[in-house]
């Protein structure tokens, strides 16, 4: 028996399926293109000072109130990215960050350890090559090296 055409408001109307047949809502293979210009309001970039405050607040909450703390990948990424920067992550927050990193797993942990080992190696080799002492770069390198050594110690 073949379906017959019916009035538009008749409930026995048959529905035409897409090219693939299948279930209702299946994709026909077409990909929607985004409109040029985004089609909406662009959000302005967040200033670095605010990112710093948010990330450090996140870290401190992890330390003091884990019941209400929630994992946020972007904030973890910011913390790892700025781990060697003493201006962005102070001494007290760095201690908390070391504890936080003990829970780090997988490739992030291996990558961070490898990066720290490279910094230590680079500093020790450049220390042997240089005869000058107390340069600004060397002081910065020494501070980074100390942080790298502490990271290796906590992640090993």
N, C-alpha and C. Protein backbone atom coordinates (compact mmCIF):
# COMPACT_ATOMS: atom_id res chain seq x y z
N UNK A 1 0.84 -1.16 0.00
CA UNK A 1 0.00 0.00 0.00
C UNK A 1 0.89 1.23 0.00
N UNK A 2 0.60 2.19 -0.84
CA UNK A 2 1.42 3.38 -0.96
C UNK A 2 0.80 4.52 -0.17
N UNK A 3 1.64 5.38 0.43
CA UNK A 3 1.08 6.50 1.20
C UNK A 3 0.40 7.49 0.27
N UNK A 4 -0.65 8.06 0.75
CA UNK A 4 -1.38 9.04 -0.05
C UNK A 4 -1.15 10.43 0.52
N UNK A 5 -1.29 11.42 -0.32
CA UNK A 5 -1.15 12.79 0.14
C UNK A 5 -2.37 13.15 0.95
N UNK A 6 -2.13 13.87 2.04
CA UNK A 6 -3.23 14.25 2.92
C UNK A 6 -3.18 15.75 3.16
N UNK A 7 -4.16 16.23 3.84
CA UNK A 7 -4.23 17.65 4.18
C UNK A 7 -3.09 18.00 5.13
N UNK A 8 -2.59 19.25 5.09
CA UNK A 8 -1.46 19.65 5.92
C UNK A 8 -1.66 19.43 7.41
N UNK A 9 -2.85 19.52 7.93
CA UNK A 9 -3.04 19.34 9.37
C UNK A 9 -3.51 17.94 9.73
N UNK A 10 -3.42 17.00 8.81
CA UNK A 10 -3.78 15.61 9.08
C UNK A 10 -2.59 14.91 9.74
N UNK A 11 -2.81 14.19 10.79
CA UNK A 11 -1.73 13.56 11.55
C UNK A 11 -1.16 12.32 10.86
N UNK A 12 -1.76 11.84 9.79
CA UNK A 12 -1.26 10.64 9.11
C UNK A 12 -0.30 10.99 7.98
N UNK A 13 0.11 12.22 7.92
CA UNK A 13 1.01 12.69 6.86
C UNK A 13 2.36 11.96 6.96
N UNK A 14 2.88 11.53 5.83
CA UNK A 14 4.19 10.87 5.83
C UNK A 14 5.28 11.91 5.68
N UNK A 15 6.42 11.66 6.34
CA UNK A 15 7.52 12.61 6.30
C UNK A 15 8.62 12.10 5.39
N UNK A 16 9.17 13.00 4.63
CA UNK A 16 10.25 12.66 3.72
C UNK A 16 11.57 12.67 4.51
N UNK A 17 12.36 11.63 4.35
CA UNK A 17 13.65 11.53 5.02
C UNK A 17 14.73 12.17 4.19
N UNK A 18 15.89 12.48 4.82
CA UNK A 18 17.02 13.08 4.12
C UNK A 18 17.66 12.09 3.18
N UNK A 19 18.76 12.48 2.56
CA UNK A 19 19.46 11.63 1.59
C UNK A 19 19.88 10.30 2.19
N UNK A 20 20.27 10.36 3.45
CA UNK A 20 20.75 9.14 4.09
C UNK A 20 19.63 8.26 4.63
N UNK A 21 18.45 8.76 4.62
CA UNK A 21 17.36 7.99 5.21
C UNK A 21 17.49 8.09 6.72
N UNK A 22 17.68 7.00 7.37
CA UNK A 22 18.02 6.95 8.78
C UNK A 22 17.04 7.65 9.70
N UNK A 23 17.56 8.00 10.86
CA UNK A 23 16.73 8.58 11.91
C UNK A 23 16.45 10.06 11.66
N UNK A 24 15.44 10.50 12.33
CA UNK A 24 15.08 11.91 12.27
C UNK A 24 16.24 12.71 12.86
N UNK A 25 16.63 13.77 12.21
CA UNK A 25 17.70 14.61 12.72
C UNK A 25 19.09 14.19 12.27
N UNK A 26 19.18 13.17 11.41
CA UNK A 26 20.52 12.76 10.95
C UNK A 26 21.06 13.82 10.02
N UNK A 27 22.36 13.98 10.01
CA UNK A 27 23.00 15.00 9.18
C UNK A 27 23.01 14.56 7.72
N UNK A 28 22.86 15.52 6.87
CA UNK A 28 22.85 15.20 5.45
C UNK A 28 24.25 15.31 4.85
N UNK A 29 25.26 15.46 5.68
CA UNK A 29 26.62 15.54 5.18
C UNK A 29 27.08 16.97 4.97
N UNK A 30 26.20 17.94 5.13
CA UNK A 30 26.57 19.33 4.94
C UNK A 30 27.11 19.89 6.24
N UNK A 31 28.13 20.73 6.10
CA UNK A 31 28.71 21.38 7.26
C UNK A 31 28.31 22.84 7.23
N UNK A 32 27.81 23.32 8.35
CA UNK A 32 27.41 24.72 8.41
C UNK A 32 28.65 25.59 8.45
N UNK A 33 28.63 26.65 7.68
CA UNK A 33 29.74 27.59 7.67
C UNK A 33 29.42 28.73 8.63
N UNK A 34 30.46 29.19 9.32
CA UNK A 34 30.29 30.32 10.21
C UNK A 34 30.27 31.59 9.38
N UNK A 35 29.49 32.53 9.85
CA UNK A 35 29.41 33.81 9.16
C UNK A 35 30.71 34.56 9.33
N UNK A 36 31.08 35.32 8.32
CA UNK A 36 32.27 36.15 8.40
C UNK A 36 32.05 37.18 9.49
N UNK A 37 33.08 37.41 10.29
CA UNK A 37 32.96 38.39 11.36
C UNK A 37 32.42 37.80 12.64
N UNK A 38 32.16 36.53 12.70
CA UNK A 38 31.72 35.88 13.92
C UNK A 38 30.23 35.91 14.15
N UNK A 39 29.52 36.87 13.57
CA UNK A 39 28.09 36.91 13.70
C UNK A 39 27.60 37.40 15.05
N UNK A 40 28.47 37.68 15.98
CA UNK A 40 28.05 38.14 17.29
C UNK A 40 29.06 39.11 17.86
N UNK A 41 28.84 39.49 19.09
CA UNK A 41 29.75 40.42 19.73
C UNK A 41 31.03 39.69 20.13
N UNK A 42 32.15 40.29 19.81
CA UNK A 42 33.44 39.72 20.20
C UNK A 42 33.73 40.14 21.64
N UNK A 43 34.19 39.19 22.43
CA UNK A 43 34.55 39.52 23.81
C UNK A 43 35.97 40.06 23.83
N UNK A 44 36.18 41.15 24.54
CA UNK A 44 37.53 41.71 24.58
C UNK A 44 38.45 40.80 25.38
N UNK A 45 39.74 40.79 25.07
CA UNK A 45 40.66 39.93 25.80
C UNK A 45 40.76 40.38 27.27
N UNK A 46 40.94 39.42 28.14
CA UNK A 46 41.04 39.69 29.57
C UNK A 46 42.45 40.18 29.87
N UNK A 47 42.60 41.30 30.57
CA UNK A 47 43.94 41.79 30.91
C UNK A 47 44.72 40.78 31.75
N UNK A 48 46.02 40.77 31.58
CA UNK A 48 46.88 39.78 32.24
C UNK A 48 46.80 39.87 33.77
N UNK A 49 46.63 41.08 34.31
CA UNK A 49 46.53 41.24 35.77
C UNK A 49 45.30 40.52 36.32
N UNK A 50 44.22 40.60 35.56
CA UNK A 50 42.98 39.94 36.01
C UNK A 50 43.12 38.43 35.89
N UNK A 51 43.74 37.96 34.80
CA UNK A 51 43.98 36.52 34.65
C UNK A 51 44.80 36.01 35.83
N UNK A 52 45.81 36.79 36.19
CA UNK A 52 46.67 36.42 37.31
C UNK A 52 45.88 36.30 38.61
N UNK A 53 45.05 37.30 38.89
CA UNK A 53 44.24 37.28 40.10
C UNK A 53 43.30 36.07 40.13
N UNK A 54 42.65 35.81 39.01
CA UNK A 54 41.70 34.70 38.93
C UNK A 54 42.41 33.36 39.14
N UNK A 55 43.56 33.19 38.49
CA UNK A 55 44.30 31.92 38.60
C UNK A 55 44.83 31.71 40.01
N UNK A 56 45.33 32.76 40.64
CA UNK A 56 45.85 32.62 42.00
C UNK A 56 44.73 32.39 43.01
N UNK A 57 43.59 33.00 42.78
CA UNK A 57 42.43 32.76 43.64
C UNK A 57 42.00 31.29 43.52
N UNK A 58 42.00 30.77 42.29
CA UNK A 58 41.69 29.37 42.01
C UNK A 58 42.65 28.45 42.78
N UNK A 59 43.94 28.77 42.72
CA UNK A 59 44.96 27.96 43.39
C UNK A 59 44.78 28.00 44.91
N UNK A 60 44.53 29.18 45.44
CA UNK A 60 44.35 29.32 46.90
C UNK A 60 43.09 28.59 47.36
N UNK A 61 42.05 28.63 46.53
CA UNK A 61 40.83 27.90 46.89
C UNK A 61 41.09 26.41 46.90
N UNK A 62 41.90 25.92 45.97
CA UNK A 62 42.27 24.51 45.96
C UNK A 62 42.93 24.14 47.28
N UNK A 63 43.75 25.05 47.78
CA UNK A 63 44.50 24.80 49.00
C UNK A 63 43.63 24.85 50.25
N UNK A 64 42.68 25.77 50.28
CA UNK A 64 41.93 26.00 51.51
C UNK A 64 40.52 25.41 51.54
N UNK A 65 39.88 25.29 50.38
CA UNK A 65 38.47 24.90 50.35
C UNK A 65 38.19 23.96 49.18
N UNK A 66 38.71 22.75 49.26
CA UNK A 66 38.57 21.81 48.14
C UNK A 66 37.14 21.33 47.93
N UNK A 67 36.30 21.45 48.94
CA UNK A 67 34.90 21.03 48.77
C UNK A 67 34.17 21.87 47.72
N UNK A 68 34.46 23.17 47.69
CA UNK A 68 33.79 24.02 46.71
C UNK A 68 34.67 24.32 45.50
N UNK A 69 35.92 23.86 45.52
CA UNK A 69 36.85 24.07 44.41
C UNK A 69 36.45 23.17 43.24
N UNK A 70 36.56 23.73 42.02
CA UNK A 70 36.28 22.94 40.81
C UNK A 70 37.45 23.07 39.85
N UNK A 71 37.81 21.97 39.20
CA UNK A 71 38.90 21.97 38.24
C UNK A 71 38.55 22.86 37.05
N UNK A 72 39.53 23.68 36.64
CA UNK A 72 39.36 24.54 35.48
C UNK A 72 40.64 24.46 34.66
N UNK A 73 40.52 23.84 33.52
CA UNK A 73 41.67 23.56 32.66
C UNK A 73 42.41 24.84 32.25
N UNK A 74 41.69 25.89 31.89
CA UNK A 74 42.33 27.13 31.46
C UNK A 74 43.17 27.74 32.56
N UNK A 75 42.68 27.67 33.79
CA UNK A 75 43.43 28.24 34.91
C UNK A 75 44.65 27.39 35.23
N UNK A 76 44.51 26.08 35.13
CA UNK A 76 45.67 25.20 35.32
C UNK A 76 46.72 25.49 34.26
N UNK A 77 46.27 25.68 33.04
CA UNK A 77 47.19 25.99 31.94
C UNK A 77 47.93 27.30 32.22
N UNK A 78 47.21 28.32 32.70
CA UNK A 78 47.85 29.60 33.00
C UNK A 78 48.90 29.43 34.09
N UNK A 79 48.58 28.67 35.13
CA UNK A 79 49.52 28.44 36.23
C UNK A 79 50.79 27.75 35.74
N UNK A 80 50.63 26.73 34.91
CA UNK A 80 51.80 26.00 34.39
C UNK A 80 52.60 26.88 33.44
N UNK A 81 51.92 27.66 32.63
CA UNK A 81 52.59 28.54 31.69
C UNK A 81 53.45 29.59 32.41
N UNK A 82 52.99 30.06 33.55
CA UNK A 82 53.67 31.13 34.28
C UNK A 82 54.41 30.65 35.52
N UNK A 83 54.67 29.37 35.60
CA UNK A 83 55.26 28.78 36.79
C UNK A 83 56.64 29.33 37.14
N UNK A 84 57.40 29.76 36.16
CA UNK A 84 58.75 30.26 36.40
C UNK A 84 58.80 31.78 36.59
N UNK A 85 57.67 32.44 36.48
CA UNK A 85 57.61 33.90 36.57
C UNK A 85 57.31 34.32 38.00
N UNK A 86 58.33 34.86 38.70
CA UNK A 86 58.17 35.25 40.10
C UNK A 86 57.25 36.46 40.27
N UNK A 87 57.14 37.31 39.25
CA UNK A 87 56.26 38.46 39.36
C UNK A 87 54.80 38.04 39.34
N UNK A 88 54.49 37.00 38.60
CA UNK A 88 53.10 36.56 38.48
C UNK A 88 52.71 35.56 39.56
N UNK A 89 53.64 34.71 39.94
CA UNK A 89 53.38 33.71 40.99
C UNK A 89 54.43 33.90 42.08
N UNK A 90 54.00 34.48 43.17
CA UNK A 90 54.91 34.78 44.28
C UNK A 90 55.36 33.52 45.01
N UNK A 91 56.21 33.75 46.00
CA UNK A 91 56.82 32.65 46.76
C UNK A 91 55.78 31.78 47.47
N UNK A 92 54.85 32.41 48.17
CA UNK A 92 53.83 31.66 48.92
C UNK A 92 52.93 30.87 47.97
N UNK A 93 52.53 31.51 46.87
CA UNK A 93 51.67 30.82 45.90
C UNK A 93 52.43 29.71 45.18
N UNK A 94 53.73 29.89 44.99
CA UNK A 94 54.53 28.84 44.34
C UNK A 94 54.56 27.59 45.21
N UNK A 95 54.63 27.75 46.51
CA UNK A 95 54.61 26.59 47.43
C UNK A 95 53.30 25.82 47.29
N UNK A 96 52.20 26.56 47.20
CA UNK A 96 50.89 25.92 47.01
C UNK A 96 50.85 25.23 45.65
N UNK A 97 51.40 25.90 44.64
CA UNK A 97 51.41 25.35 43.28
C UNK A 97 52.18 24.04 43.22
N UNK A 98 53.28 23.94 43.96
CA UNK A 98 54.04 22.68 43.99
C UNK A 98 53.18 21.54 44.54
N UNK A 99 52.40 21.82 45.57
CA UNK A 99 51.51 20.80 46.13
C UNK A 99 50.43 20.44 45.11
N UNK A 100 49.91 21.46 44.43
CA UNK A 100 48.88 21.24 43.41
C UNK A 100 49.42 20.35 42.29
N UNK A 101 50.66 20.58 41.90
CA UNK A 101 51.26 19.84 40.79
C UNK A 101 51.51 18.37 41.12
N UNK A 102 51.56 18.03 42.39
CA UNK A 102 51.74 16.63 42.77
C UNK A 102 50.59 15.77 42.25
N UNK A 103 49.42 16.37 42.08
CA UNK A 103 48.27 15.65 41.55
C UNK A 103 48.20 15.66 40.02
N UNK A 104 49.14 16.35 39.39
CA UNK A 104 49.17 16.43 37.93
C UNK A 104 49.47 15.05 37.35
N UNK A 105 48.78 14.69 36.27
CA UNK A 105 48.92 13.35 35.71
C UNK A 105 49.26 13.39 34.23
N UNK A 106 49.72 12.27 33.74
CA UNK A 106 49.90 12.05 32.31
C UNK A 106 50.97 12.89 31.65
N UNK A 107 50.67 13.31 30.43
CA UNK A 107 51.66 14.00 29.61
C UNK A 107 52.02 15.37 30.17
N UNK A 108 51.08 16.00 30.88
CA UNK A 108 51.37 17.31 31.46
C UNK A 108 52.50 17.20 32.50
N UNK A 109 52.42 16.17 33.30
CA UNK A 109 53.43 15.94 34.33
C UNK A 109 54.79 15.66 33.69
N UNK A 110 54.81 14.80 32.68
CA UNK A 110 56.06 14.45 32.00
C UNK A 110 56.65 15.66 31.29
N UNK A 111 55.79 16.45 30.64
CA UNK A 111 56.26 17.63 29.92
C UNK A 111 56.83 18.68 30.87
N UNK A 112 56.17 18.88 32.00
CA UNK A 112 56.64 19.86 32.97
C UNK A 112 57.97 19.42 33.59
N UNK A 113 58.10 18.15 33.88
CA UNK A 113 59.36 17.63 34.42
C UNK A 113 60.48 17.78 33.40
N UNK A 114 60.22 17.44 32.16
CA UNK A 114 61.23 17.56 31.11
C UNK A 114 61.65 19.02 30.91
N UNK A 115 60.68 19.91 30.92
CA UNK A 115 60.96 21.34 30.77
C UNK A 115 61.84 21.84 31.93
N UNK A 116 61.53 21.41 33.14
CA UNK A 116 62.31 21.81 34.32
C UNK A 116 63.74 21.28 34.22
N UNK A 117 63.89 20.03 33.78
CA UNK A 117 65.23 19.45 33.63
C UNK A 117 66.04 20.21 32.58
N UNK A 118 65.39 20.65 31.50
CA UNK A 118 66.08 21.42 30.46
C UNK A 118 66.54 22.78 30.99
N UNK A 119 65.73 23.41 31.82
CA UNK A 119 66.10 24.71 32.39
C UNK A 119 67.30 24.56 33.30
N UNK A 120 67.31 23.51 34.12
CA UNK A 120 68.45 23.27 35.01
C UNK A 120 69.71 23.00 34.19
N UNK A 121 69.58 22.17 33.19
CA UNK A 121 70.72 21.83 32.33
C UNK A 121 71.25 23.07 31.61
N UNK A 122 70.35 23.88 31.10
CA UNK A 122 70.73 25.10 30.39
C UNK A 122 71.45 26.07 31.32
N UNK A 123 70.94 26.21 32.53
CA UNK A 123 71.55 27.14 33.49
C UNK A 123 72.94 26.66 33.90
N UNK A 124 73.07 25.36 34.18
CA UNK A 124 74.39 24.86 34.61
C UNK A 124 75.41 24.94 33.48
N UNK A 125 74.99 24.71 32.25
CA UNK A 125 75.94 24.80 31.13
C UNK A 125 76.30 26.26 30.84
N UNK A 126 75.34 27.18 30.96
CA UNK A 126 75.65 28.59 30.72
C UNK A 126 76.47 29.17 31.86
N UNK A 127 76.31 28.65 33.05
CA UNK A 127 77.09 29.10 34.21
C UNK A 127 78.56 28.75 34.02
N UNK A 128 78.82 27.60 33.45
CA UNK A 128 80.20 27.17 33.19
C UNK A 128 80.83 28.00 32.07
N UNK A 129 80.04 28.41 31.09
CA UNK A 129 80.55 29.16 29.94
C UNK A 129 80.83 30.62 30.27
N UNK A 130 80.09 31.20 31.20
CA UNK A 130 80.23 32.63 31.50
C UNK A 130 81.28 32.87 32.58
N UNK A 131 81.97 33.98 32.43
CA UNK A 131 82.91 34.39 33.47
C UNK A 131 82.36 35.56 34.25
N UNK A 132 81.38 36.31 33.66
CA UNK A 132 80.76 37.44 34.35
C UNK A 132 79.79 36.92 35.40
N UNK A 133 79.63 37.71 36.45
CA UNK A 133 78.71 37.35 37.52
C UNK A 133 77.75 38.50 37.75
N UNK A 134 76.61 38.24 38.36
CA UNK A 134 75.62 39.22 38.79
C UNK A 134 74.96 40.00 37.64
N UNK A 135 74.83 39.44 36.49
CA UNK A 135 74.07 40.11 35.43
C UNK A 135 72.59 39.88 35.69
N UNK A 136 71.77 40.77 35.12
CA UNK A 136 70.32 40.68 35.33
C UNK A 136 69.77 39.37 34.79
N UNK A 137 70.20 38.98 33.59
CA UNK A 137 69.73 37.73 33.00
C UNK A 137 70.13 36.53 33.83
N UNK A 138 71.34 36.56 34.36
CA UNK A 138 71.82 35.43 35.16
C UNK A 138 71.02 35.30 36.44
N UNK A 139 70.64 36.44 37.05
CA UNK A 139 69.83 36.40 38.26
C UNK A 139 68.46 35.80 37.95
N UNK A 140 67.88 36.22 36.85
CA UNK A 140 66.58 35.67 36.43
C UNK A 140 66.71 34.18 36.14
N UNK A 141 67.77 33.79 35.45
CA UNK A 141 68.02 32.38 35.13
C UNK A 141 68.22 31.56 36.41
N UNK A 142 68.92 32.14 37.38
CA UNK A 142 69.17 31.43 38.64
C UNK A 142 67.85 31.19 39.37
N UNK A 143 66.97 32.19 39.38
CA UNK A 143 65.67 32.04 40.04
C UNK A 143 64.82 30.98 39.33
N UNK A 144 64.86 31.00 38.00
CA UNK A 144 64.13 29.99 37.24
C UNK A 144 64.70 28.61 37.52
N UNK A 145 66.01 28.52 37.62
CA UNK A 145 66.66 27.24 37.88
C UNK A 145 66.26 26.70 39.25
N UNK A 146 66.20 27.57 40.25
CA UNK A 146 65.79 27.13 41.59
C UNK A 146 64.36 26.60 41.57
N UNK A 147 63.50 27.31 40.86
CA UNK A 147 62.11 26.83 40.75
C UNK A 147 62.05 25.50 40.01
N UNK A 148 62.83 25.39 38.95
CA UNK A 148 62.86 24.15 38.17
C UNK A 148 63.33 22.98 39.04
N UNK A 149 64.34 23.20 39.86
CA UNK A 149 64.84 22.13 40.75
C UNK A 149 63.76 21.71 41.75
N UNK A 150 63.01 22.68 42.26
CA UNK A 150 61.93 22.34 43.20
C UNK A 150 60.81 21.58 42.50
N UNK A 151 60.53 21.94 41.27
CA UNK A 151 59.50 21.24 40.50
C UNK A 151 59.92 19.78 40.29
N UNK A 152 61.17 19.58 39.88
CA UNK A 152 61.67 18.22 39.67
C UNK A 152 61.56 17.42 40.95
N UNK A 153 61.94 18.02 42.06
CA UNK A 153 61.88 17.34 43.36
C UNK A 153 60.46 16.91 43.71
N UNK A 154 59.49 17.78 43.46
CA UNK A 154 58.10 17.47 43.81
C UNK A 154 57.42 16.51 42.85
N UNK A 155 57.85 16.51 41.60
CA UNK A 155 57.21 15.63 40.61
C UNK A 155 57.89 14.28 40.47
N UNK A 156 59.04 14.14 41.05
CA UNK A 156 59.78 12.85 40.94
C UNK A 156 59.36 11.88 42.01
